[in-house]
Protein backbone atom coordinates (compact mmCIF):
# COMPACT_ATOMS: atom_id res chain seq x y z
CA MET A 1 63.14 -108.10 -65.02
CA ILE A 2 60.52 -107.08 -62.25
CA GLY A 3 59.16 -103.43 -62.13
CA PRO A 4 61.17 -100.40 -61.49
CA SER A 5 58.29 -99.01 -58.94
CA LEU A 6 60.31 -101.59 -55.87
CA PRO A 7 63.21 -100.46 -54.42
CA PHE A 8 65.65 -103.25 -55.69
CA ASP A 9 65.89 -105.65 -58.24
CA ILE A 10 64.40 -108.58 -56.97
CA GLU A 11 65.70 -110.58 -59.98
CA ARG A 12 69.34 -109.67 -59.42
CA ARG A 13 69.20 -110.22 -55.83
CA PHE A 14 67.47 -113.48 -55.54
CA GLY A 15 67.89 -114.99 -58.83
CA LEU A 16 64.50 -115.40 -59.28
CA ASP A 17 62.45 -113.86 -61.46
CA ALA A 18 58.56 -113.22 -61.68
CA ARG A 19 57.78 -116.52 -63.40
CA ALA A 20 59.82 -118.22 -61.22
CA LEU A 21 57.58 -116.63 -58.19
CA VAL A 22 54.49 -117.33 -59.87
CA SER A 23 55.59 -121.29 -60.44
CA ALA A 24 56.45 -121.74 -56.68
CA LEU A 25 52.81 -120.09 -55.53
CA GLU A 26 51.14 -122.22 -58.44
CA ALA A 27 52.80 -125.17 -56.95
CA ALA A 28 51.66 -124.32 -53.27
CA LEU A 29 48.72 -124.46 -54.28
CA ALA A 30 48.87 -127.43 -56.27
CA THR A 31 46.29 -129.35 -53.81
CA GLY A 32 43.78 -126.35 -52.70
CA GLY A 33 44.16 -123.96 -50.30
CA ASP A 34 42.85 -120.53 -49.93
CA PHE A 35 46.18 -118.30 -50.37
CA ALA A 36 49.90 -118.71 -51.07
CA GLU A 37 52.57 -116.47 -50.09
CA ALA A 38 56.15 -116.11 -50.72
CA PHE A 39 58.66 -114.17 -48.50
CA LEU A 40 61.99 -113.95 -49.65
CA GLU A 41 65.00 -112.28 -47.30
CA TYR A 42 68.66 -111.43 -47.30
CA ARG A 43 70.19 -109.98 -44.71
CA GLU A 44 73.67 -108.78 -43.50
CA TYR A 45 74.63 -108.77 -39.97
CA ARG A 46 77.47 -107.43 -38.01
CA SER A 47 78.43 -107.03 -34.47
CA ALA A 48 81.31 -105.37 -32.16
CA PHE A 49 81.91 -106.32 -28.81
CA MET A 50 84.12 -104.76 -25.86
CA GLU A 51 85.07 -105.79 -22.42
CA GLU A 52 87.77 -105.96 -19.93
CA ASP A 53 89.58 -103.00 -21.79
CA ILE A 54 89.52 -105.01 -24.96
CA LEU A 55 87.43 -105.92 -28.15
CA LYS A 56 86.27 -109.19 -27.28
CA ASP A 57 84.56 -110.80 -30.12
CA THR A 58 83.47 -109.54 -33.68
CA SER A 59 81.08 -111.22 -36.13
CA GLU A 60 79.57 -111.05 -39.52
CA SER A 61 76.87 -113.27 -40.82
CA PHE A 62 75.19 -113.09 -43.93
CA SER A 63 71.36 -115.23 -44.41
CA LEU A 64 69.86 -115.75 -47.41
CA GLY A 65 66.32 -117.95 -47.97
CA LEU A 66 62.58 -118.13 -48.80
CA GLY A 67 59.68 -118.99 -47.00
CA LEU A 68 56.13 -120.60 -48.53
CA ARG A 69 53.27 -120.12 -46.89
CA VAL A 70 49.73 -121.72 -47.25
CA TRP A 71 46.58 -121.08 -45.70
CA SER A 72 43.33 -123.28 -45.55
CA GLY A 73 40.86 -122.33 -43.45
CA GLU A 74 42.17 -121.55 -40.06
CA THR A 75 45.20 -124.29 -40.95
CA THR A 76 48.49 -122.46 -41.44
CA GLY A 77 51.33 -125.01 -43.89
CA TYR A 78 54.62 -123.56 -43.95
CA GLY A 79 58.20 -124.57 -45.60
CA TYR A 80 61.45 -122.41 -46.14
CA THR A 81 65.00 -123.52 -47.71
CA ASN A 82 67.96 -121.71 -47.89
CA ASP A 83 68.44 -123.07 -51.53
CA LEU A 84 66.68 -121.28 -54.28
CA SER A 85 67.67 -123.42 -57.05
CA PRO A 86 63.89 -124.43 -58.59
CA ASP A 87 63.89 -127.67 -57.49
CA LYS A 88 64.32 -126.81 -54.09
CA ILE A 89 62.02 -124.36 -54.25
CA LEU A 90 59.04 -126.42 -55.58
CA ARG A 91 59.60 -129.17 -52.92
CA THR A 92 59.49 -126.51 -50.34
CA ALA A 93 55.86 -125.23 -52.11
CA ARG A 94 54.50 -128.80 -51.86
CA SER A 95 55.75 -129.60 -48.64
CA ALA A 96 53.93 -126.29 -47.29
CA ALA A 97 50.79 -127.14 -49.59
CA ALA A 98 50.20 -130.43 -47.40
CA VAL A 99 47.69 -128.37 -45.28
CA ALA A 100 45.10 -128.49 -48.24
CA ALA A 101 43.86 -131.70 -49.75
CA SER A 102 40.69 -130.39 -51.40
CA GLY A 103 42.77 -131.74 -54.42
CA ARG A 104 41.96 -128.75 -56.48
CA ALA A 105 44.68 -126.60 -57.99
CA PHE A 106 44.28 -123.07 -57.92
CA PRO A 107 45.95 -120.43 -60.19
CA ALA A 108 48.42 -117.70 -59.18
CA ALA A 109 47.11 -114.53 -60.42
CA ARG A 110 50.01 -112.22 -62.37
CA LEU A 111 51.94 -110.46 -59.94
CA VAL A 112 52.27 -106.69 -60.27
CA PRO A 113 54.57 -104.48 -58.47
CA ARG A 114 53.36 -102.22 -55.80
CA PRO A 115 55.85 -99.45 -54.28
CA GLY A 116 56.28 -99.49 -50.23
CA GLY A 117 54.67 -96.53 -47.84
CA ALA A 118 55.97 -93.91 -45.69
CA ASP A 119 59.90 -93.01 -46.15
CA VAL A 120 60.55 -94.13 -42.71
CA TYR A 121 64.17 -95.11 -42.67
CA ARG A 122 66.51 -92.40 -41.95
CA VAL A 123 70.01 -93.17 -42.95
CA GLU A 124 72.55 -90.78 -44.39
CA ARG A 125 75.79 -93.21 -43.32
CA PRO A 126 74.58 -96.30 -43.83
CA PRO A 127 76.06 -98.66 -41.07
CA ASP A 128 76.14 -101.87 -43.57
CA LYS A 129 78.33 -99.58 -46.27
CA ALA A 130 81.08 -98.02 -43.10
CA PRO A 131 84.13 -99.89 -42.27
CA PHE A 132 84.49 -102.00 -39.50
CA GLU A 133 87.00 -99.52 -37.75
CA ALA A 134 84.28 -97.16 -37.78
CA LYS A 135 81.64 -98.76 -35.54
CA ILE A 136 84.65 -100.11 -33.32
CA ALA A 137 85.35 -96.63 -32.87
CA LEU A 138 81.64 -95.96 -31.34
CA VAL A 139 81.95 -98.85 -29.21
CA ARG A 140 85.41 -97.65 -27.87
CA ALA A 141 83.86 -94.05 -27.13
CA ALA A 142 81.10 -95.30 -24.92
CA TYR A 143 83.05 -97.64 -23.06
CA GLU A 144 86.09 -95.14 -21.92
CA ALA A 145 82.97 -92.79 -21.50
CA CYS A 146 81.63 -95.23 -19.29
CA ARG A 147 84.85 -96.15 -17.69
CA GLY A 148 86.11 -92.44 -16.93
CA PHE A 149 82.56 -91.64 -15.38
CA SER A 150 83.52 -92.45 -11.69
CA PRO A 151 86.20 -94.61 -10.09
CA LEU A 152 83.41 -96.42 -8.62
CA ILE A 153 83.03 -98.50 -12.11
CA GLU A 154 84.20 -101.60 -12.07
CA LYS A 155 83.29 -103.06 -14.97
CA VAL A 156 81.95 -102.13 -18.61
CA LYS A 157 80.53 -103.80 -21.65
CA ALA A 158 79.57 -101.68 -24.88
CA SER A 159 78.58 -103.58 -27.87
CA ILE A 160 77.05 -102.66 -31.54
CA GLN A 161 74.90 -104.62 -34.04
CA ASP A 162 73.65 -103.70 -37.33
CA GLN A 163 72.03 -105.26 -40.13
CA ILE A 164 70.50 -104.61 -43.63
CA GLN A 165 67.68 -106.77 -44.22
CA TYR A 166 66.22 -107.37 -48.22
CA VAL A 167 62.36 -108.83 -47.78
CA ALA A 168 60.77 -109.27 -51.06
CA ILE A 169 57.04 -111.05 -51.37
CA ALA A 170 55.00 -112.44 -53.54
CA ASN A 171 51.80 -114.15 -52.57
CA SER A 172 48.84 -115.73 -55.07
CA GLU A 173 46.30 -112.41 -54.97
CA GLY A 174 49.14 -110.55 -57.21
CA LEU A 175 50.86 -108.94 -54.88
CA LEU A 176 54.58 -108.44 -55.57
CA ALA A 177 56.08 -106.06 -52.78
CA ALA A 178 59.61 -105.06 -51.47
CA ASP A 179 61.68 -103.23 -48.83
CA VAL A 180 65.00 -102.36 -47.67
CA ARG A 181 65.49 -102.19 -43.99
CA PRO A 182 68.34 -100.75 -42.08
CA LEU A 183 69.06 -101.43 -38.47
CA VAL A 184 71.59 -100.05 -35.44
CA ARG A 185 71.95 -100.33 -32.01
CA LEU A 186 74.94 -99.10 -29.47
CA THR A 187 74.75 -100.07 -26.14
CA CYS A 188 76.32 -100.01 -22.82
CA VAL A 189 76.33 -101.64 -19.68
CA GLY A 190 78.27 -99.90 -16.27
CA ILE A 191 78.59 -102.06 -13.24
CA ALA A 192 79.75 -99.89 -10.24
CA GLN A 193 81.17 -101.80 -6.87
CA ARG A 194 81.47 -100.12 -3.36
CA ASN A 195 82.13 -102.02 -0.11
CA GLY A 196 80.95 -105.16 -1.87
CA LEU A 197 77.91 -104.07 -3.20
CA ARG A 198 77.12 -103.96 -7.32
CA GLU A 199 74.82 -102.11 -9.31
CA SER A 200 74.58 -102.22 -12.89
CA GLY A 201 73.40 -99.53 -15.19
CA TYR A 202 72.17 -99.40 -19.02
CA SER A 203 71.65 -97.35 -22.10
CA GLY A 204 71.64 -97.32 -25.58
CA GLY A 205 70.80 -95.52 -28.58
CA GLY A 206 69.82 -96.84 -32.61
CA GLY A 207 66.83 -97.15 -34.79
CA ARG A 208 66.36 -97.20 -38.66
CA VAL A 209 68.95 -94.78 -38.92
CA GLY A 210 72.49 -94.30 -40.49
CA LEU A 211 75.87 -93.77 -37.64
CA GLU A 212 75.36 -89.93 -38.32
CA HIS A 213 72.93 -90.71 -35.36
CA PHE A 214 75.61 -91.00 -32.90
CA GLU A 215 76.74 -87.63 -33.57
CA GLY A 216 73.96 -85.92 -31.34
CA SER A 217 72.27 -86.46 -28.22
CA ALA A 218 72.70 -90.27 -28.88
CA SER A 219 76.49 -89.94 -28.98
CA PRO A 220 78.55 -92.67 -27.89
CA GLU A 221 79.98 -90.51 -25.25
CA ALA A 222 76.35 -89.90 -23.54
CA ILE A 223 75.07 -93.73 -24.10
CA GLY A 224 78.44 -94.75 -22.29
CA ARG A 225 78.00 -91.86 -19.09
CA GLU A 226 74.34 -92.55 -18.55
CA ALA A 227 74.79 -96.45 -18.06
CA ALA A 228 77.74 -95.49 -16.00
CA ARG A 229 75.19 -92.35 -13.91
CA GLU A 230 72.42 -95.12 -13.51
CA ALA A 231 74.88 -97.66 -11.71
CA VAL A 232 76.78 -95.16 -9.52
CA ASP A 233 73.10 -93.73 -8.44
CA LEU A 234 72.04 -97.15 -7.82
CA LEU A 235 74.47 -97.59 -4.98
CA ASP A 236 73.00 -95.03 -3.20
CA ALA A 237 69.58 -96.04 -3.37
CA ARG A 238 66.92 -97.80 -0.47
CA ASP A 239 64.86 -100.58 -1.21
CA ALA A 240 61.40 -100.06 -2.26
CA PRO A 241 58.63 -99.83 0.32
CA ALA A 242 55.90 -102.36 0.09
CA GLY A 243 52.40 -102.05 -0.36
CA VAL A 244 49.40 -100.39 -2.22
CA MET A 245 49.93 -96.76 -3.07
CA PRO A 246 50.13 -94.47 -6.10
CA VAL A 247 52.64 -95.13 -8.76
CA VAL A 248 53.81 -92.61 -11.37
CA LEU A 249 55.44 -93.84 -14.56
CA ALA A 250 58.00 -91.64 -15.90
CA ALA A 251 57.93 -91.15 -19.51
CA GLY A 252 59.37 -92.96 -22.11
CA HIS A 253 60.79 -95.58 -20.46
CA ALA A 254 57.66 -96.69 -18.70
CA GLY A 255 55.99 -97.43 -22.27
CA VAL A 256 57.22 -100.94 -21.91
CA LEU A 257 54.96 -101.76 -19.05
CA ILE A 258 51.93 -100.58 -21.58
CA HIS A 259 53.83 -102.80 -24.24
CA GLU A 260 53.43 -106.16 -22.55
CA ALA A 261 50.35 -105.51 -20.40
CA VAL A 262 48.38 -104.08 -22.99
CA GLY A 263 49.84 -104.34 -26.33
CA HIS A 264 50.21 -108.22 -26.76
CA LEU A 265 46.61 -108.35 -25.46
CA LEU A 266 45.02 -106.23 -28.48
CA GLU A 267 47.10 -108.72 -30.82
CA ALA A 268 44.47 -109.96 -33.19
CA ASP A 269 45.48 -113.48 -33.11
CA PHE A 270 44.68 -113.80 -29.14
CA ASN A 271 41.65 -112.53 -29.76
CA ARG A 272 40.08 -114.63 -32.31
CA ARG A 273 41.13 -117.44 -30.05
CA LYS A 274 39.35 -116.16 -27.05
CA THR A 275 42.60 -116.35 -25.23
CA SER A 276 42.97 -112.18 -24.56
CA ILE A 277 41.12 -110.51 -21.96
CA PHE A 278 39.98 -108.27 -24.58
CA TRP A 279 38.40 -110.60 -27.02
CA ASN A 280 34.75 -109.35 -26.49
CA LYS A 281 35.63 -105.94 -25.27
CA ALA A 282 35.20 -104.43 -28.85
CA GLY A 283 33.60 -101.02 -28.52
CA LYS A 284 33.88 -101.17 -24.67
CA LYS A 285 35.42 -99.36 -22.06
CA VAL A 286 38.30 -100.52 -20.23
CA GLY A 287 39.95 -97.77 -18.60
CA THR A 288 39.50 -94.15 -18.23
CA PRO A 289 38.72 -91.25 -20.78
CA GLU A 290 42.62 -90.11 -20.10
CA VAL A 291 43.89 -93.46 -21.84
CA THR A 292 44.16 -93.32 -25.46
CA ILE A 293 46.70 -95.92 -27.50
CA TYR A 294 48.09 -96.26 -30.57
CA ASP A 295 50.77 -98.47 -32.54
CA ASP A 296 52.20 -96.78 -35.22
CA PRO A 297 54.81 -98.59 -37.43
CA THR A 298 55.21 -94.97 -39.46
CA ILE A 299 57.34 -93.25 -36.45
CA PRO A 300 60.40 -91.90 -38.93
CA ALA A 301 63.74 -93.32 -37.52
CA SER A 302 61.94 -95.48 -34.72
CA ARG A 303 63.43 -99.05 -34.42
CA GLY A 304 59.99 -100.48 -34.68
CA SER A 305 58.94 -98.88 -38.13
CA TYR A 306 59.25 -100.60 -41.38
CA ALA A 307 57.35 -99.35 -44.76
CA ILE A 308 55.85 -102.66 -45.62
CA ASP A 309 54.80 -105.41 -42.95
CA ASP A 310 56.25 -109.38 -44.36
CA GLU A 311 53.08 -109.63 -45.56
CA GLY A 312 53.69 -107.11 -48.10
CA THR A 313 50.84 -104.61 -46.35
CA ILE A 314 51.42 -100.89 -46.34
CA PRO A 315 51.03 -100.25 -42.78
CA ARG A 316 49.34 -97.59 -40.82
CA LYS A 317 48.49 -95.65 -37.43
CA THR A 318 46.31 -97.91 -35.26
CA LEU A 319 44.06 -96.68 -32.81
CA LEU A 320 43.73 -99.35 -30.03
CA ILE A 321 42.17 -98.11 -27.33
CA GLU A 322 40.40 -94.12 -27.94
CA LYS A 323 39.53 -92.61 -24.25
CA GLY A 324 39.42 -95.99 -22.56
CA VAL A 325 37.60 -97.48 -25.06
CA VAL A 326 38.65 -100.26 -27.59
CA ARG A 327 38.47 -99.67 -30.66
CA GLY A 328 41.04 -101.72 -32.86
CA LEU A 329 43.23 -104.69 -32.59
CA LEU A 330 46.56 -105.32 -34.72
CA GLN A 331 46.19 -107.72 -37.70
CA ASP A 332 47.72 -109.67 -39.87
CA LYS A 333 46.04 -111.07 -42.91
CA LEU A 334 45.00 -114.66 -41.72
CA SER A 335 43.32 -113.08 -38.36
CA ALA A 336 41.82 -110.10 -40.65
CA LYS A 337 40.34 -112.71 -43.07
CA LEU A 338 38.96 -114.76 -40.56
CA MET A 339 37.49 -111.65 -38.08
CA GLY A 340 36.24 -109.92 -41.29
CA ARG A 341 38.90 -107.00 -40.39
CA THR A 342 40.83 -104.25 -42.42
CA LEU A 343 44.46 -105.12 -42.47
CA THR A 344 46.27 -102.78 -40.63
CA GLY A 345 50.39 -103.65 -41.33
CA HIS A 346 51.32 -105.84 -38.37
CA GLY A 347 52.02 -108.98 -40.04
CA ARG A 348 55.75 -109.87 -38.84
CA ARG A 349 58.19 -112.26 -38.72
CA GLN A 350 61.69 -113.16 -37.52
CA ASP A 351 63.35 -114.27 -40.42
CA TYR A 352 62.47 -116.10 -43.62
CA THR A 353 62.10 -119.67 -41.52
CA ASP A 354 59.00 -118.12 -39.65
CA TYR A 355 55.60 -117.37 -40.89
CA PRO A 356 54.16 -113.85 -39.94
CA ILE A 357 52.06 -113.47 -36.75
CA PRO A 358 50.35 -109.85 -35.35
CA ARG A 359 52.87 -108.23 -33.47
CA MET A 360 53.67 -104.58 -32.17
CA ALA A 361 55.98 -102.21 -33.71
CA ASN A 362 56.02 -98.66 -31.85
CA THR A 363 53.25 -98.82 -28.86
CA TYR A 364 52.35 -96.00 -27.05
CA ILE A 365 49.92 -93.62 -24.76
CA ASP A 366 49.30 -90.83 -26.44
CA ARG A 367 50.11 -87.56 -24.49
CA GLY A 368 47.72 -85.90 -22.36
CA GLU A 369 47.21 -82.47 -20.75
CA HIS A 370 48.88 -82.29 -17.65
CA ASP A 371 52.49 -80.83 -16.52
CA PRO A 372 54.44 -83.67 -15.20
CA ALA A 373 55.49 -81.51 -12.50
CA GLU A 374 51.62 -80.93 -11.94
CA ILE A 375 51.44 -84.86 -11.53
CA ILE A 376 54.49 -85.20 -9.20
CA ARG A 377 52.68 -82.64 -6.31
CA SER A 378 49.51 -84.31 -6.95
CA VAL A 379 51.05 -87.39 -5.04
CA ARG A 380 51.20 -87.39 -1.15
CA LYS A 381 52.91 -90.28 -0.87
CA GLY A 382 54.04 -92.81 -3.65
CA LEU A 383 56.10 -94.22 -5.73
CA TYR A 384 57.87 -92.92 -9.12
CA ALA A 385 58.78 -95.65 -11.32
CA GLU A 386 61.65 -94.59 -13.65
CA ARG A 387 63.64 -97.78 -15.12
CA PHE A 388 62.15 -101.39 -15.61
CA THR A 389 64.31 -104.74 -16.51
CA GLY A 390 61.60 -106.46 -17.50
CA GLY A 391 58.03 -108.69 -16.41
CA GLN A 392 55.75 -111.35 -17.32
CA VAL A 393 52.06 -110.65 -18.24
CA GLU A 394 49.41 -113.66 -18.27
CA ASP A 395 46.60 -113.82 -20.96
CA SER A 396 44.29 -112.97 -17.99
CA GLY A 397 45.99 -109.53 -17.92
CA GLN A 398 47.78 -110.47 -14.80
CA PHE A 399 50.89 -108.72 -14.51
CA THR A 400 54.35 -108.44 -12.73
CA PHE A 401 57.04 -105.81 -13.51
CA SER A 402 60.75 -105.57 -11.90
CA VAL A 403 61.75 -101.56 -11.31
CA SER A 404 65.51 -100.88 -11.73
CA SER A 405 65.13 -97.69 -10.32
CA GLY A 406 63.00 -94.96 -9.42
CA ARG A 407 62.45 -92.57 -6.26
CA LEU A 408 60.50 -92.01 -3.35
CA ILE A 409 57.32 -89.24 -3.86
CA GLU A 410 57.09 -87.41 -0.83
CA GLU A 411 54.57 -84.24 -0.56
CA GLY A 412 54.62 -84.09 -3.70
CA ARG A 413 58.02 -84.42 -4.36
CA LEU A 414 60.64 -86.38 -5.90
CA THR A 415 63.15 -87.71 -2.44
CA ALA A 416 65.39 -90.53 -2.23
CA PRO A 417 66.28 -93.10 -4.74
CA VAL A 418 64.80 -96.76 -4.72
CA LYS A 419 65.18 -99.84 -6.42
CA GLN A 420 63.99 -103.48 -6.53
CA ALA A 421 60.26 -102.77 -6.62
CA THR A 422 58.00 -105.14 -7.99
CA LEU A 423 54.29 -103.82 -9.73
CA VAL A 424 51.86 -106.16 -9.28
CA GLY A 425 48.34 -105.91 -11.12
CA SER A 426 46.29 -106.56 -14.01
CA ASN A 427 45.53 -104.34 -17.33
CA VAL A 428 41.88 -103.71 -16.82
CA ASP A 429 42.36 -102.56 -13.26
CA ILE A 430 45.45 -100.19 -14.19
CA LEU A 431 43.44 -99.07 -17.09
CA ARG A 432 40.89 -97.99 -14.92
CA LYS A 433 43.30 -96.27 -12.31
CA ILE A 434 45.32 -94.22 -14.88
CA GLU A 435 43.95 -90.78 -13.47
CA MET A 436 46.44 -88.42 -14.69
CA VAL A 437 48.43 -88.04 -17.95
CA GLY A 438 51.41 -85.65 -18.56
CA SER A 439 51.70 -83.58 -22.19
CA ASP A 440 55.38 -85.28 -22.53
CA LEU A 441 55.11 -87.82 -24.68
CA ALA A 442 58.44 -89.79 -25.10
CA PHE A 443 59.87 -93.13 -26.13
CA GLY A 444 62.04 -95.54 -24.24
CA LEU A 445 65.45 -96.30 -25.01
CA PRO A 446 65.61 -97.82 -29.01
CA THR A 447 67.29 -100.93 -28.08
CA GLY A 448 64.08 -103.32 -27.33
CA THR A 449 63.29 -106.61 -28.89
CA CYS A 450 59.61 -108.51 -28.05
CA SER A 451 59.94 -111.92 -28.14
CA LYS A 452 56.43 -114.27 -29.27
CA GLU A 453 55.77 -117.71 -30.24
CA GLY A 454 59.87 -118.06 -30.10
CA GLN A 455 60.29 -115.09 -32.88
CA ASP A 456 62.14 -111.69 -31.87
CA VAL A 457 61.54 -108.51 -33.72
CA PRO A 458 62.71 -104.85 -33.29
CA VAL A 459 60.08 -102.61 -31.05
CA ASN A 460 59.52 -99.60 -29.62
CA ASP A 461 57.31 -98.14 -26.75
CA GLY A 462 56.37 -94.87 -25.00
CA CYS A 463 54.09 -92.82 -23.02
CA PRO A 464 54.15 -89.60 -20.86
CA THR A 465 54.20 -89.52 -17.34
CA LEU A 466 51.47 -91.14 -15.63
CA LYS A 467 49.73 -91.24 -12.32
CA ILE A 468 48.18 -94.46 -11.93
CA SER A 469 45.71 -94.12 -8.29
CA ALA A 470 46.68 -96.88 -6.53
CA MET A 471 49.20 -100.03 -7.42
CA THR A 472 50.44 -102.77 -5.34
CA VAL A 473 54.11 -102.40 -5.02
CA GLY A 474 56.32 -105.51 -3.79
CA GLY A 475 59.70 -104.13 -2.25
CA LYS A 476 60.84 -104.05 1.87
């Protein structure tokens, strides 16, 4: 039996005791290698989707498996299996061990259970324990609120997804850690139509929370109405102007630009491979003194949070840029070892079929000293970027982002709504042009997923109101 300091009984959940895990690790190191790790995962996933006034789809799935990793120098071997029989696990371990050919076996240390980090999960009504009918009721409430908002709404899509993930990590250094991670999101899309013109709006809520989360400001009715409101408002929006102009990024939703344009390039693997523009910028100034950026996996209830990362490391709030100066990177175990850096707890993986890589969790620009209204007043003519639909970022730092909705700024006031703007620039150039940072730090919708190297993980991002002195805006 594995020790009581863990959040659940690993042997009962996976049918493997500490001896079996040590045997697997020793088999993975049988031909050499510097390090071996076993990642056990059990996941339950459920969803419901409503469209055209009917419940169109429901699904329920379960997955169980083991991933075994070995690294030798910078080379990683990885194998996985959904068959947890002793023979299959040993075959998987030998497959992962093929990267190391020194022929010298290394013993694995005795496993010592270690408790997790901060209590970041806020669950009173666990979604995995709730009847499907309760979740369908949330979907229907969001759908009907969106549909009933305006006669201009012609189509609605609403859905809920929830999952519970049990993970356990054991490695050749003797670490044994485990976590139970809840996750839920409720989303709604409204499509408005007038005289042949169609526009869509989106809203959602959720995080590492229970169903009680949807009883307050994130009620399904509020989510549905917000999706409809955005869609209807966009029917009256004009195309954004083009040119170089001051741009004000709205608090919360504009955090996705920071996530994409800056966050990825501060992940350690890109820097040790020298493919990030920041690879040689440690301790150097890359932005104005107003810019301080963190990634914090320990924010309670946030979609990107976790008590341990997927290597068993207790995560910590990590300072990336301080007053314009690069101070840190997001590290996993392999990058930290190769770079001689401290672990930050950002080794994440999509599931047991993937090995961990450095990933963001909850990334944000910290609050500043300016009143948001003061920032708007400081702009004579410019663009207020409110909602984003996504973007593309290159390793060089060049990016293109699509703004789904915003407003013109004229003589220090928000005026006409605009749409279909494109923001073009480079991350270092933008960081050097952030001249005002608001006091109103907020996070975007807690529904985001980040993709990297074919792996998707839940994340969140945020920022206060930001003024960029000059930025290229594509429009008409």
